[in-house]
Amino acid sequence: MVKNDLAGASSYMGSLSSFLSGIGLSLQDVSNIFSILATIVGIILAIGTFFVNKHYKMKEIELKAKKIGVSLDDN
């Protein structure tokens, strides 16, 4: 069973490698592309998290101010 799985994985990697070399890419190139994409997604998530946390922190401050009777409006 394990030998069949390993043979299948090896066959798959071989066919993937030959396909990629046919279009001018290597497995290292694909790995680098996915690494760059993962980095970009991580940066986008970090920026989004920052703004979401900032929004909820402001809502929390507004609720605390409302409880003690302070208005945060410009008026």
PDB file of N, CA and C in Angstrom:
ATOM      1  N   MET A   1       0.833  -1.195   0.000  1.00  0.00           N
ATOM      2  CA  MET A   1       0.000   0.000   0.000  1.00  0.00           C
ATOM      3  C   MET A   1       0.876   1.256   0.000  1.00  0.00           C
ATOM      4  N   VAL A   2       1.847   1.302   0.916  1.00  0.00           N
ATOM      5  CA  VAL A   2       2.715   2.477   0.992  1.00  0.00           C
ATOM      6  C   VAL A   2       3.566   2.591  -0.265  1.00  0.00           C
ATOM      7  N   LYS A   3       4.027   1.443  -0.785  1.00  0.00           N
ATOM      8  CA  LYS A   3       4.831   1.483  -2.010  1.00  0.00           C
ATOM      9  C   LYS A   3       4.016   2.051  -3.166  1.00  0.00           C
ATOM     10  N   ASN A   4       2.740   1.681  -3.249  1.00  0.00           N
ATOM     11  CA  ASN A   4       1.891   2.209  -4.315  1.00  0.00           C
ATOM     12  C   ASN A   4       1.694   3.718  -4.165  1.00  0.00           C
ATOM     13  N   ASP A   5       1.523   4.172  -2.916  1.00  0.00           N
ATOM     14  CA  ASP A   5       1.363   5.607  -2.683  1.00  0.00           C
ATOM     15  C   ASP A   5       2.622   6.365  -3.076  1.00  0.00           C
ATOM     16  N   LEU A   6       3.776   5.817  -2.690  1.00  0.00           N
ATOM     17  CA  LEU A   6       5.039   6.469  -3.034  1.00  0.00           C
ATOM     18  C   LEU A   6       5.263   6.465  -4.537  1.00  0.00           C
ATOM     19  N   ALA A   7       4.927   5.370  -5.178  1.00  0.00           N
ATOM     20  CA  ALA A   7       5.085   5.297  -6.633  1.00  0.00           C
ATOM     21  C   ALA A   7       4.153   6.292  -7.316  1.00  0.00           C
ATOM     22  N   GLY A   8       2.938   6.422  -6.803  1.00  0.00           N
ATOM     23  CA  GLY A   8       1.997   7.387  -7.369  1.00  0.00           C
ATOM     24  C   GLY A   8       2.471   8.812  -7.183  1.00  0.00           C
ATOM     25  N   ALA A   9       3.002   9.107  -5.996  1.00  0.00           N
ATOM     26  CA  ALA A   9       3.509  10.451  -5.729  1.00  0.00           C
ATOM     27  C   ALA A   9       4.712  10.750  -6.608  1.00  0.00           C
ATOM     28  N   SER A  10       5.582   9.767  -6.757  1.00  0.00           N
ATOM     29  CA  SER A  10       6.764   9.946  -7.603  1.00  0.00           C
ATOM     30  C   SER A  10       6.355  10.162  -9.058  1.00  0.00           C
ATOM     31  N   SER A  11       5.383   9.393  -9.515  1.00  0.00           N
ATOM     32  CA  SER A  11       4.888   9.541 -10.886  1.00  0.00           C
ATOM     33  C   SER A  11       4.251  10.913 -11.079  1.00  0.00           C
ATOM     34  N   TYR A  12       3.494  11.353 -10.080  1.00  0.00           N
ATOM     35  CA  TYR A  12       2.849  12.668 -10.162  1.00  0.00           C
ATOM     36  C   TYR A  12       3.892  13.775 -10.228  1.00  0.00           C
ATOM     37  N   MET A  13       4.911  13.695  -9.370  1.00  0.00           N
ATOM     38  CA  MET A  13       5.956  14.720  -9.369  1.00  0.00           C
ATOM     39  C   MET A  13       6.707  14.720 -10.695  1.00  0.00           C
ATOM     40  N   GLY A  14       6.936  13.533 -11.243  1.00  0.00           N
ATOM     41  CA  GLY A  14       7.618  13.452 -12.531  1.00  0.00           C
ATOM     42  C   GLY A  14       6.805  14.092 -13.640  1.00  0.00           C
ATOM     43  N   SER A  15       5.509  13.822 -13.663  1.00  0.00           N
ATOM     44  CA  SER A  15       4.668  14.415 -14.706  1.00  0.00           C
ATOM     45  C   SER A  15       4.522  15.919 -14.498  1.00  0.00           C
ATOM     46  N   LEU A  16       4.440  16.355 -13.238  1.00  0.00           N
ATOM     47  CA  LEU A  16       4.364  17.785 -12.957  1.00  0.00           C
ATOM     48  C   LEU A  16       5.646  18.480 -13.392  1.00  0.00           C
ATOM     49  N   SER A  17       6.772  17.861 -13.085  1.00  0.00           N
ATOM     50  CA  SER A  17       8.058  18.440 -13.455  1.00  0.00           C
ATOM     51  C   SER A  17       8.208  18.533 -14.972  1.00  0.00           C
ATOM     52  N   SER A  18       7.789  17.490 -15.683  1.00  0.00           N
ATOM     53  CA  SER A  18       7.909  17.533 -17.146  1.00  0.00           C
ATOM     54  C   SER A  18       6.948  18.565 -17.738  1.00  0.00           C
ATOM     55  N   PHE A  19       5.764  18.714 -17.140  1.00  0.00           N
ATOM     56  CA  PHE A  19       4.826  19.739 -17.613  1.00  0.00           C
ATOM     57  C   PHE A  19       5.406  21.129 -17.413  1.00  0.00           C
ATOM     58  N   LEU A  20       5.960  21.371 -16.216  1.00  0.00           N
ATOM     59  CA  LEU A  20       6.514  22.690 -15.924  1.00  0.00           C
ATOM     60  C   LEU A  20       7.708  23.003 -16.810  1.00  0.00           C
ATOM     61  N   SER A  21       8.559  22.017 -17.056  1.00  0.00           N
ATOM     62  CA  SER A  21       9.703  22.270 -17.929  1.00  0.00           C
ATOM     63  C   SER A  21       9.233  22.516 -19.359  1.00  0.00           C
ATOM     64  N   GLY A  22       8.099  21.937 -19.723  1.00  0.00           N
ATOM     65  CA  GLY A  22       7.540  22.181 -21.050  1.00  0.00           C
ATOM     66  C   GLY A  22       7.096  23.614 -21.238  1.00  0.00           C
ATOM     67  N   ILE A  23       6.648  24.268 -20.155  1.00  0.00           N
ATOM     68  CA  ILE A  23       6.236  25.673 -20.262  1.00  0.00           C
ATOM     69  C   ILE A  23       7.328  26.612 -19.759  1.00  0.00           C
ATOM     70  N   GLY A  24       8.496  26.083 -19.483  1.00  0.00           N
ATOM     71  CA  GLY A  24       9.642  26.920 -19.138  1.00  0.00           C
ATOM     72  C   GLY A  24       9.796  27.241 -17.671  1.00  0.00           C
ATOM     73  N   LEU A  25       9.198  26.469 -16.790  1.00  0.00           N
ATOM     74  CA  LEU A  25       9.333  26.703 -15.350  1.00  0.00           C
ATOM     75  C   LEU A  25       9.939  25.485 -14.679  1.00  0.00           C
ATOM     76  N   SER A  26      10.583  25.714 -13.555  1.00  0.00           N
ATOM     77  CA  SER A  26      11.069  24.598 -12.745  1.00  0.00           C
ATOM     78  C   SER A  26      10.255  24.544 -11.454  1.00  0.00           C
ATOM     79  N   LEU A  27      10.407  23.466 -10.703  1.00  0.00           N
ATOM     80  CA  LEU A  27       9.703  23.370  -9.422  1.00  0.00           C
ATOM     81  C   LEU A  27      10.151  24.473  -8.470  1.00  0.00           C
ATOM     82  N   GLN A  28      11.411  24.885  -8.567  1.00  0.00           N
ATOM     83  CA  GLN A  28      11.916  25.969  -7.719  1.00  0.00           C
ATOM     84  C   GLN A  28      11.220  27.285  -8.060  1.00  0.00           C
ATOM     85  N   ASP A  29      10.988  27.524  -9.356  1.00  0.00           N
ATOM     86  CA  ASP A  29      10.273  28.736  -9.760  1.00  0.00           C
ATOM     87  C   ASP A  29       8.861  28.753  -9.183  1.00  0.00           C
ATOM     88  N   VAL A  30       8.177  27.621  -9.268  1.00  0.00           N
ATOM     89  CA  VAL A  30       6.815  27.535  -8.734  1.00  0.00           C
ATOM     90  C   VAL A  30       6.825  27.746  -7.226  1.00  0.00           C
ATOM     91  N   SER A  31       7.815  27.181  -6.554  1.00  0.00           N
ATOM     92  CA  SER A  31       7.942  27.358  -5.110  1.00  0.00           C
ATOM     93  C   SER A  31       8.157  28.830  -4.765  1.00  0.00           C
ATOM     94  N   ASN A  32       8.998  29.498  -5.538  1.00  0.00           N
ATOM     95  CA  ASN A  32       9.242  30.924  -5.301  1.00  0.00           C
ATOM     96  C   ASN A  32       7.985  31.751  -5.539  1.00  0.00           C
ATOM     97  N   ILE A  33       7.228  31.408  -6.574  1.00  0.00           N
ATOM     98  CA  ILE A  33       5.993  32.134  -6.868  1.00  0.00           C
ATOM     99  C   ILE A  33       5.007  31.992  -5.711  1.00  0.00           C
ATOM    100  N   PHE A  34       4.844  30.763  -5.206  1.00  0.00           N
ATOM    101  CA  PHE A  34       3.918  30.559  -4.088  1.00  0.00           C
ATOM    102  C   PHE A  34       4.409  31.255  -2.825  1.00  0.00           C
ATOM    103  N   SER A  35       5.713  31.306  -2.637  1.00  0.00           N
ATOM    104  CA  SER A  35       6.265  32.004  -1.480  1.00  0.00           C
ATOM    105  C   SER A  35       5.957  33.495  -1.553  1.00  0.00           C
ATOM    106  N   ILE A  36       6.115  34.073  -2.730  1.00  0.00           N
ATOM    107  CA  ILE A  36       5.819  35.493  -2.910  1.00  0.00           C
ATOM    108  C   ILE A  36       4.329  35.753  -2.703  1.00  0.00           C
ATOM    109  N   LEU A  37       3.480  34.893  -3.258  1.00  0.00           N
ATOM    110  CA  LEU A  37       2.034  35.055  -3.078  1.00  0.00           C
ATOM    111  C   LEU A  37       1.641  34.952  -1.607  1.00  0.00           C
ATOM    112  N   ALA A  38       2.251  34.015  -0.882  1.00  0.00           N
ATOM    113  CA  ALA A  38       1.949  33.864   0.543  1.00  0.00           C
ATOM    114  C   ALA A  38       2.370  35.109   1.319  1.00  0.00           C
ATOM    115  N   THR A  39       3.495  35.696   0.944  1.00  0.00           N
ATOM    116  CA  THR A  39       3.954  36.916   1.602  1.00  0.00           C
ATOM    117  C   THR A  39       2.983  38.065   1.352  1.00  0.00           C
ATOM    118  N   ILE A  40       2.525  38.200   0.112  1.00  0.00           N
ATOM    119  CA  ILE A  40       1.582  39.268  -0.227  1.00  0.00           C
ATOM    120  C   ILE A  40       0.270  39.092   0.536  1.00  0.00           C
ATOM    121  N   VAL A  41      -0.234  37.868   0.585  1.00  0.00           N
ATOM    122  CA  VAL A  41      -1.476  37.599   1.322  1.00  0.00           C
ATOM    123  C   VAL A  41      -1.287  37.909   2.807  1.00  0.00           C
ATOM    124  N   GLY A  42      -0.138  37.551   3.362  1.00  0.00           N
ATOM    125  CA  GLY A  42       0.145  37.843   4.767  1.00  0.00           C
ATOM    126  C   GLY A  42       0.162  39.332   5.056  1.00  0.00           C
ATOM    127  N   ILE A  43       0.752  40.108   4.153  1.00  0.00           N
ATOM    128  CA  ILE A  43       0.798  41.564   4.335  1.00  0.00           C
ATOM    129  C   ILE A  43      -0.609  42.152   4.270  1.00  0.00           C
ATOM    130  N   ILE A  44      -1.411  41.682   3.311  1.00  0.00           N
ATOM    131  CA  ILE A  44      -2.788  42.173   3.187  1.00  0.00           C
ATOM    132  C   ILE A  44      -3.592  41.844   4.445  1.00  0.00           C
ATOM    133  N   LEU A  45      -3.431  40.630   4.967  1.00  0.00           N
ATOM    134  CA  LEU A  45      -4.145  40.253   6.189  1.00  0.00           C
ATOM    135  C   LEU A  45      -3.694  41.086   7.380  1.00  0.00           C
ATOM    136  N   ALA A  46      -2.401  41.384   7.466  1.00  0.00           N
ATOM    137  CA  ALA A  46      -1.894  42.196   8.577  1.00  0.00           C
ATOM    138  C   ALA A  46      -2.467  43.608   8.522  1.00  0.00           C
ATOM    139  N   ILE A  47      -2.517  44.192   7.330  1.00  0.00           N
ATOM    140  CA  ILE A  47      -3.073  45.541   7.185  1.00  0.00           C
ATOM    141  C   ILE A  47      -4.564  45.536   7.528  1.00  0.00           C
ATOM    142  N   GLY A  48      -5.283  44.540   7.042  1.00  0.00           N
ATOM    143  CA  GLY A  48      -6.709  44.436   7.349  1.00  0.00           C
ATOM    144  C   GLY A  48      -6.965  44.276   8.830  1.00  0.00           C
ATOM    145  N   THR A  49      -6.166  43.449   9.482  1.00  0.00           N
ATOM    146  CA  THR A  49      -6.305  43.242  10.925  1.00  0.00           C
ATOM    147  C   THR A  49      -6.062  44.533  11.686  1.00  0.00           C
ATOM    148  N   PHE A  50      -5.063  45.303  11.259  1.00  0.00           N
ATOM    149  CA  PHE A  50      -4.767  46.580  11.907  1.00  0.00           C
ATOM    150  C   PHE A  50      -5.975  47.512  11.852  1.00  0.00           C
ATOM    151  N   PHE A  51      -6.580  47.649  10.667  1.00  0.00           N
ATOM    152  CA  PHE A  51      -7.708  48.571  10.535  1.00  0.00           C
ATOM    153  C   PHE A  51      -8.950  48.075  11.260  1.00  0.00           C
ATOM    154  N   VAL A  52      -9.177  46.768  11.269  1.00  0.00           N
ATOM    155  CA  VAL A  52     -10.324  46.226  12.007  1.00  0.00           C
ATOM    156  C   VAL A  52     -10.144  46.467  13.503  1.00  0.00           C
ATOM    157  N   ASN A  53      -8.942  46.212  14.019  1.00  0.00           N
ATOM    158  CA  ASN A  53      -8.684  46.448  15.444  1.00  0.00           C
ATOM    159  C   ASN A  53      -8.841  47.925  15.793  1.00  0.00           C
ATOM    160  N   LYS A  54      -8.366  48.797  14.899  1.00  0.00           N
ATOM    161  CA  LYS A  54      -8.486  50.237  15.133  1.00  0.00           C
ATOM    162  C   LYS A  54      -9.962  50.646  15.187  1.00  0.00           C
ATOM    163  N   HIS A  55     -10.765  50.097  14.283  1.00  0.00           N
ATOM    164  CA  HIS A  55     -12.203  50.413  14.243  1.00  0.00           C
ATOM    165  C   HIS A  55     -12.882  49.986  15.543  1.00  0.00           C
ATOM    166  N   TYR A  56     -12.614  48.754  15.990  1.00  0.00           N
ATOM    167  CA  TYR A  56     -13.271  48.269  17.203  1.00  0.00           C
ATOM    168  C   TYR A  56     -12.762  48.979  18.447  1.00  0.00           C
ATOM    169  N   LYS A  57     -11.516  49.398  18.443  1.00  0.00           N
ATOM    170  CA  LYS A  57     -10.992  50.165  19.578  1.00  0.00           C
ATOM    171  C   LYS A  57     -11.714  51.509  19.672  1.00  0.00           C
ATOM    172  N   MET A  58     -11.969  52.149  18.526  1.00  0.00           N
ATOM    173  CA  MET A  58     -12.711  53.415  18.534  1.00  0.00           C
ATOM    174  C   MET A  58     -14.143  53.209  19.018  1.00  0.00           C
ATOM    175  N   LYS A  59     -14.783  52.121  18.595  1.00  0.00           N
ATOM    176  CA  LYS A  59     -16.145  51.829  19.059  1.00  0.00           C
ATOM    177  C   LYS A  59     -16.159  51.624  20.565  1.00  0.00           C
ATOM    178  N   GLU A  60     -15.136  50.955  21.081  1.00  0.00           N
ATOM    179  CA  GLU A  60     -15.039  50.715  22.525  1.00  0.00           C
ATOM    180  C   GLU A  60     -14.885  52.034  23.281  1.00  0.00           C
ATOM    181  N   ILE A  61     -14.066  52.929  22.759  1.00  0.00           N
ATOM    182  CA  ILE A  61     -13.873  54.234  23.393  1.00  0.00           C
ATOM    183  C   ILE A  61     -15.170  55.037  23.363  1.00  0.00           C
ATOM    184  N   GLU A  62     -15.891  54.986  22.227  1.00  0.00           N
ATOM    185  CA  GLU A  62     -17.164  55.704  22.131  1.00  0.00           C
ATOM    186  C   GLU A  62     -18.175  55.180  23.147  1.00  0.00           C
ATOM    187  N   LEU A  63     -18.235  53.863  23.327  1.00  0.00           N
ATOM    188  CA  LEU A  63     -19.168  53.292  24.304  1.00  0.00           C
ATOM    189  C   LEU A  63     -18.807  53.695  25.729  1.00  0.00           C
ATOM    190  N   LYS A  64     -17.519  53.691  26.057  1.00  0.00           N
ATOM    191  CA  LYS A  64     -17.094  54.105  27.397  1.00  0.00           C
ATOM    192  C   LYS A  64     -17.417  55.578  27.634  1.00  0.00           C
ATOM    193  N   ALA A  65     -17.196  56.406  26.617  1.00  0.00           N
ATOM    194  CA  ALA A  65     -17.496  57.831  26.750  1.00  0.00           C
ATOM    195  C   ALA A  65     -18.993  58.045  26.917  1.00  0.00           C
ATOM    196  N   LYS A  66     -19.790  57.290  26.194  1.00  0.00           N
ATOM    197  CA  LYS A  66     -21.247  57.414  26.297  1.00  0.00           C
ATOM    198  C   LYS A  66     -21.725  57.017  27.694  1.00  0.00           C
ATOM    199  N   LYS A  67     -21.088  55.989  28.291  1.00  0.00           N
ATOM    200  CA  LYS A  67     -21.467  55.541  29.638  1.00  0.00           C
ATOM    201  C   LYS A  67     -21.237  56.628  30.679  1.00  0.00           C
ATOM    202  N   ILE A  68     -20.143  57.372  30.530  1.00  0.00           N
ATOM    203  CA  ILE A  68     -19.851  58.403  31.531  1.00  0.00           C
ATOM    204  C   ILE A  68     -20.417  59.763  31.128  1.00  0.00           C
ATOM    205  N   GLY A  69     -21.118  59.819  29.992  1.00  0.00           N
ATOM    206  CA  GLY A  69     -21.808  61.044  29.593  1.00  0.00           C
ATOM    207  C   GLY A  69     -20.974  62.040  28.832  1.00  0.00           C
ATOM    208  N   VAL A  70     -19.908  61.615  28.224  1.00  0.00           N
ATOM    209  CA  VAL A  70     -19.054  62.513  27.445  1.00  0.00           C
ATOM    210  C   VAL A  70     -19.386  62.336  25.972  1.00  0.00           C
ATOM    211  N   SER A  71     -19.543  63.454  25.265  1.00  0.00           N
ATOM    212  CA  SER A  71     -19.824  63.398  23.831  1.00  0.00           C
ATOM    213  C   SER A  71     -18.520  63.552  23.059  1.00  0.00           C
ATOM    214  N   LEU A  72     -18.308  62.692  22.091  1.00  0.00           N
ATOM    215  CA  LEU A  72     -17.105  62.771  21.271  1.00  0.00           C
ATOM    216  C   LEU A  72     -17.357  63.490  19.949  1.00  0.00           C
ATOM    217  N   ASP A  73     -18.553  64.051  19.788  1.00  0.00           N
ATOM    218  CA  ASP A  73     -18.870  64.795  18.565  1.00  0.00           C
ATOM    219  C   ASP A  73     -18.111  66.108  18.545  1.00  0.00           C
ATOM    220  N   ASP A  74     -17.938  66.659  17.347  1.00  0.00           N
ATOM    221  CA  ASP A  74     -17.232  67.936  17.203  1.00  0.00           C
ATOM    222  C   ASP A  74     -18.068  69.117  17.673  1.00  0.00           C
ATOM    223  N   ASN A  75     -19.375  68.928  17.801  1.00  0.00           N
ATOM    224  CA  ASN A  75     -20.274  70.037  18.173  1.00  0.00           C
ATOM    225  C   ASN A  75     -20.079  70.447  19.607  1.00  0.00           C
TER     226      ASN A  75
END
